[in-house]
Protein backbone atom coordinates (compact mmCIF):
# COMPACT_ATOMS: atom_id res chain seq x y z
CA MET A 1 7.37 1.55 -101.34
CA SER A 2 6.36 2.35 -104.91
CA ARG A 3 7.85 5.85 -104.67
CA PHE A 4 11.15 4.34 -103.50
CA LEU A 5 11.24 1.90 -106.40
CA ILE A 6 10.47 4.63 -108.93
CA ILE A 7 13.23 6.84 -107.53
CA LEU A 8 15.65 3.91 -107.46
CA GLY A 9 14.84 3.14 -111.09
CA LEU A 10 15.40 6.76 -112.11
CA VAL A 11 18.72 6.86 -110.26
CA LEU A 12 19.84 3.68 -112.02
CA VAL A 13 18.84 5.05 -115.43
CA VAL A 14 20.70 8.32 -114.81
CA ALA A 15 23.74 6.42 -113.53
CA GLY A 16 23.69 4.23 -116.63
CA LEU A 17 23.52 7.24 -118.92
CA LEU A 18 26.30 9.07 -117.10
CA TRP A 19 28.60 6.04 -116.71
CA PRO A 20 30.88 6.89 -119.69
CA PHE A 21 31.45 10.38 -118.25
CA VAL A 22 32.00 9.05 -114.72
CA GLY A 23 34.68 6.69 -116.03
CA ARG A 24 36.63 9.67 -117.31
CA LEU A 25 36.62 11.22 -113.83
CA GLY A 26 38.56 8.28 -112.42
CA LEU A 27 35.71 6.82 -110.41
CA GLY A 28 36.49 3.14 -110.19
CA ARG A 29 40.25 3.53 -109.85
CA LEU A 30 40.54 5.54 -106.64
CA PRO A 31 43.44 5.21 -104.18
CA GLY A 32 41.38 3.18 -101.69
CA ASP A 33 40.34 0.54 -104.22
CA ILE A 34 41.95 -2.88 -103.77
CA VAL A 35 43.67 -4.31 -106.85
CA VAL A 36 45.59 -7.60 -106.87
CA GLU A 37 47.15 -8.60 -110.17
CA ARG A 38 49.03 -11.87 -110.59
CA GLU A 39 50.26 -13.72 -113.62
CA ASN A 40 46.97 -15.51 -114.41
CA TYR A 41 44.72 -13.82 -111.89
CA SER A 42 43.39 -10.37 -111.18
CA PHE A 43 41.10 -9.25 -108.36
CA TYR A 44 39.52 -5.82 -108.13
CA PHE A 45 37.44 -4.62 -105.18
CA PRO A 46 36.31 -0.98 -105.48
CA LEU A 47 36.19 -0.19 -101.75
CA MET A 48 36.60 3.60 -101.89
CA THR A 49 34.39 3.88 -104.97
CA SER A 50 31.65 1.97 -103.13
CA LEU A 51 31.94 4.25 -100.11
CA ILE A 52 31.66 7.39 -102.22
CA ILE A 53 28.65 6.05 -104.13
CA SER A 54 27.02 5.05 -100.83
CA VAL A 55 27.48 8.53 -99.36
CA VAL A 56 26.13 10.22 -102.49
CA LEU A 57 23.09 7.93 -102.67
CA SER A 58 22.42 8.38 -98.94
CA LEU A 59 22.48 12.14 -99.42
CA VAL A 60 20.15 11.93 -102.42
CA PHE A 61 17.64 9.73 -100.59
CA TRP A 62 17.82 11.95 -97.51
CA LEU A 63 17.05 15.02 -99.64
CA VAL A 64 14.17 13.24 -101.41
CA ASN A 65 12.57 12.21 -98.11
CA ARG A 66 12.76 15.72 -96.62
């Protein structure tokens, strides 16, 4: 459990450091993301972005556990 938490912490730190560069790649505004904008209301649900992040993290954790 401690190894998992350490790896999770490192992944979060790296993601935080790389976030400005990831924003330039368009991650967060992909075609599968749901955006509803009204006059006084906006709703954003990053569905495709969440799926891509999930696949990447699953691959990373699978490689670490090998």
